[in-house]
Protein backbone atom coordinates (compact mmCIF):
# COMPACT_ATOMS: atom_id res chain seq x y z
CA UNK A 1 -2.57 33.30 -46.82
CA UNK A 2 0.78 32.38 -45.75
CA UNK A 3 1.50 30.30 -42.56
CA UNK A 4 3.95 31.77 -40.18
CA UNK A 5 7.01 29.67 -39.46
CA UNK A 6 7.45 31.26 -36.08
CA UNK A 7 6.92 28.87 -33.24
CA UNK A 8 4.65 29.80 -30.38
CA UNK A 9 5.85 28.91 -26.93
CA UNK A 10 3.25 28.19 -24.35
CA UNK A 11 4.26 28.79 -20.78
CA UNK A 12 3.16 25.95 -18.55
CA UNK A 13 1.60 27.43 -15.43
CA UNK A 14 2.67 25.44 -12.36
CA UNK A 15 0.21 26.01 -9.50
CA UNK A 16 3.07 25.16 -6.97
CA UNK A 17 6.26 27.14 -6.71
CA UNK A 18 9.41 25.65 -5.27
CA UNK A 19 8.84 27.73 -2.21
CA UNK A 20 5.47 25.91 -1.64
CA UNK A 21 7.08 22.53 -2.06
CA UNK A 22 9.66 23.51 0.57
CA UNK A 23 6.99 24.40 3.02
CA UNK A 24 5.18 21.02 2.38
CA UNK A 25 8.41 19.11 2.88
CA UNK A 26 9.11 21.05 6.08
CA UNK A 27 5.55 20.28 7.32
CA UNK A 28 5.96 16.66 6.60
CA UNK A 29 9.35 16.44 8.33
CA UNK A 30 7.94 18.35 11.30
CA UNK A 31 4.97 16.00 11.66
CA UNK A 32 7.24 13.06 11.40
CA UNK A 33 9.50 14.37 14.25
CA UNK A 34 6.38 15.24 16.31
CA UNK A 35 4.87 11.84 16.15
CA UNK A 36 8.33 10.10 16.73
CA UNK A 37 8.82 12.17 19.84
CA UNK A 38 5.32 11.15 21.09
CA UNK A 39 6.10 7.45 20.38
CA UNK A 40 9.46 7.76 22.14
CA UNK A 41 7.70 9.34 25.19
CA UNK A 42 5.09 6.55 25.29
CA UNK A 43 7.89 3.79 25.06
CA UNK A 44 9.86 5.76 27.85
CA UNK A 45 6.66 6.03 30.03
CA UNK A 46 5.75 2.39 29.55
CA UNK A 47 9.32 1.35 30.28
CA UNK A 48 9.24 3.40 33.45
CA UNK A 49 6.02 1.62 34.54
CA UNK A 50 7.43 -1.74 33.70
CA UNK A 51 10.59 -1.09 35.65
CA UNK A 52 9.04 0.71 38.73
CA UNK A 53 5.46 -0.35 38.73
CA UNK A 54 3.76 -2.80 41.12
CA UNK A 55 2.83 -6.15 39.54
CA UNK A 56 -0.73 -7.29 40.00
CA UNK A 57 -2.92 -9.86 38.17
CA UNK A 58 -5.56 -8.55 35.88
CA UNK A 59 -8.53 -10.48 34.35
CA UNK A 60 -10.21 -9.63 31.05
CA UNK A 61 -13.91 -9.04 31.68
CA UNK A 62 -14.76 -7.44 28.29
CA UNK A 63 -13.38 -6.64 24.99
CA UNK A 64 -14.40 -4.96 21.78
CA UNK A 65 -12.97 -3.01 18.81
CA UNK A 66 -9.35 -2.30 19.53
CA UNK A 67 -9.60 -2.22 23.32
CA UNK A 68 -9.55 -4.80 26.15
CA UNK A 69 -11.11 -4.11 29.58
CA UNK A 70 -9.27 -5.45 32.63
CA UNK A 71 -10.12 -5.72 36.35
CA UNK A 72 -7.61 -5.91 39.04
CA UNK A 73 -6.98 -5.22 42.72
CA UNK A 74 -4.26 -2.87 43.85
CA UNK A 75 -3.87 -1.88 47.65
CA UNK A 76 -7.25 -3.46 48.51
CA UNK A 77 -9.14 -1.38 45.88
CA UNK A 78 -10.76 -2.65 42.75
CA UNK A 79 -9.83 -0.99 39.42
CA UNK A 80 -11.16 -1.40 35.88
CA UNK A 81 -9.01 -0.04 32.97
CA UNK A 82 -9.20 -0.13 29.22
CA UNK A 83 -6.09 -0.89 27.32
CA UNK A 84 -5.25 -1.19 23.50
CA UNK A 85 -5.57 -4.75 22.38
CA UNK A 86 -2.22 -6.20 21.64
CA UNK A 87 -3.43 -9.66 20.45
CA UNK A 88 -6.54 -10.61 18.54
CA UNK A 89 -7.27 -14.01 20.00
CA UNK A 90 -8.71 -12.85 23.46
CA UNK A 91 -11.10 -14.81 25.69
CA UNK A 92 -13.15 -13.62 28.61
CA UNK A 93 -11.60 -14.70 31.82
CA UNK A 94 -7.91 -14.62 30.66
CA UNK A 95 -5.50 -13.37 33.27
CA UNK A 96 -2.28 -11.52 32.68
CA UNK A 97 0.20 -9.80 34.88
CA UNK A 98 -0.06 -6.02 34.81
CA UNK A 99 2.29 -3.34 35.92
CA UNK A 100 0.50 -0.50 37.75
CA UNK A 101 1.93 2.98 38.14
CA UNK A 102 2.08 3.47 41.78
CA UNK A 103 1.24 7.06 41.62
CA UNK A 104 -1.80 6.55 39.40
CA UNK A 105 -3.21 3.06 39.38
CA UNK A 106 -5.30 3.73 36.32
CA UNK A 107 -2.13 3.89 34.26
CA UNK A 108 -1.08 0.34 33.44
CA UNK A 109 1.01 -1.73 31.13
CA UNK A 110 -0.32 -5.26 30.41
CA UNK A 111 2.50 -7.80 30.11
CA UNK A 112 0.92 -9.69 27.26
CA UNK A 113 3.91 -12.08 27.28
CA UNK A 114 3.25 -13.08 30.87
CA UNK A 115 -0.06 -14.90 31.18
CA UNK A 116 -1.14 -16.29 34.53
CA UNK A 117 -1.04 -20.09 34.51
CA UNK A 118 -2.52 -21.85 37.53
CA UNK A 119 -3.63 -25.41 38.44
CA UNK A 120 -6.68 -25.27 36.13
CA UNK A 121 -4.35 -25.72 33.08
CA UNK A 122 -3.18 -28.91 31.39
CA UNK A 123 -0.26 -29.10 28.94
CA UNK A 124 0.21 -30.60 25.51
CA UNK A 125 2.87 -30.35 22.80
CA UNK A 126 2.03 -27.74 20.07
CA UNK A 127 0.97 -28.87 16.68
CA UNK A 128 2.51 -25.94 14.83
CA UNK A 129 4.45 -22.84 15.86
CA UNK A 130 5.19 -19.77 13.73
CA UNK A 131 7.95 -17.87 15.49
CA UNK A 132 8.86 -15.55 12.61
CA UNK A 133 9.30 -12.10 14.11
CA UNK A 134 8.60 -9.32 11.67
CA UNK A 135 9.16 -5.52 11.88
CA UNK A 136 5.46 -4.78 11.98
CA UNK A 137 4.33 -7.45 14.53
CA UNK A 138 5.41 -8.45 18.04
CA UNK A 139 3.07 -11.49 17.97
CA UNK A 140 3.38 -15.05 16.92
CA UNK A 141 0.80 -17.78 16.41
CA UNK A 142 0.63 -21.45 17.34
CA UNK A 143 -1.69 -24.37 17.00
CA UNK A 144 -2.55 -27.19 19.28
CA UNK A 145 -4.98 -30.13 19.38
CA UNK A 146 -7.33 -30.92 22.20
CA UNK A 147 -9.70 -33.99 21.76
CA UNK A 148 -9.26 -33.93 17.89
CA UNK A 149 -10.11 -30.28 17.70
CA UNK A 150 -7.36 -27.95 16.40
CA UNK A 151 -7.10 -24.52 18.04
CA UNK A 152 -5.02 -21.51 16.94
CA UNK A 153 -3.83 -18.74 19.26
CA UNK A 154 -1.89 -15.55 18.89
CA UNK A 155 0.47 -14.51 21.60
CA UNK A 156 2.97 -11.57 22.19
CA UNK A 157 6.65 -12.17 22.10
CA UNK A 158 8.45 -11.31 25.31
CA UNK A 159 10.92 -8.38 25.15
CA UNK A 160 14.31 -9.35 23.77
CA UNK A 161 12.97 -12.67 22.44
CA UNK A 162 15.44 -14.85 20.61
CA UNK A 163 14.22 -17.87 18.55
CA UNK A 164 14.65 -21.24 20.08
CA UNK A 165 14.05 -24.90 19.08
CA UNK A 166 10.39 -25.80 18.99
CA UNK A 167 10.94 -29.03 20.89
CA UNK A 168 11.29 -26.99 24.08
CA UNK A 169 7.82 -25.61 24.00
CA UNK A 170 4.56 -26.72 25.65
CA UNK A 171 1.06 -25.36 25.32
CA UNK A 172 -0.84 -24.83 28.53
CA UNK A 173 -4.59 -24.74 28.04
CA UNK A 174 -7.38 -24.25 30.37
CA UNK A 175 -9.39 -27.36 31.01
CA UNK A 176 -12.82 -25.67 31.10
CA UNK A 177 -12.13 -23.51 27.94
CA UNK A 178 -9.40 -24.89 25.70
CA UNK A 179 -9.45 -21.76 23.61
CA UNK A 180 -7.50 -20.15 26.54
CA UNK A 181 -3.91 -21.35 25.89
CA UNK A 182 -0.41 -20.10 26.10
CA UNK A 183 2.88 -21.17 24.54
CA UNK A 184 5.46 -21.68 27.26
CA UNK A 185 9.14 -22.57 27.12
CA UNK A 186 10.93 -19.47 25.88
């Protein structure tokens, strides 16, 4: 028996044709554009509420998972709304300024960078501040010491934040609950 010197060519079967790859790429690009338009609309809608909405004070009465529950009064009526949590060191009883859509008071934007600070707060200098703004986070953290206990909080940057010297900052903390505190001075 003699071996044949002819080479055999095996055809590789590709389950995807170039046409299918084109459809997949088109689908991916379409989904990207779709979600980008949705995000743009949400930013536009929130910006509209911030610009034209009525400002009220809202108090956190509950939180869990990724949502925070606020109570507020608007035009002598009590409202309760759920919003996405923007920071992860939340305490019951915290108060923030909220912008309310005047046409639909259940549509709100919490101004996480504007906490309500009243006469029940004291102030101390911060122990440590990390004001490094990243592409993925609009939050910063800081530490402070009350009666030899170190506390750490996370707070939202205000829009158009520009870094400043840390010597200008104060931490305002609630006397009854020192875990409620805000960095002020920017």
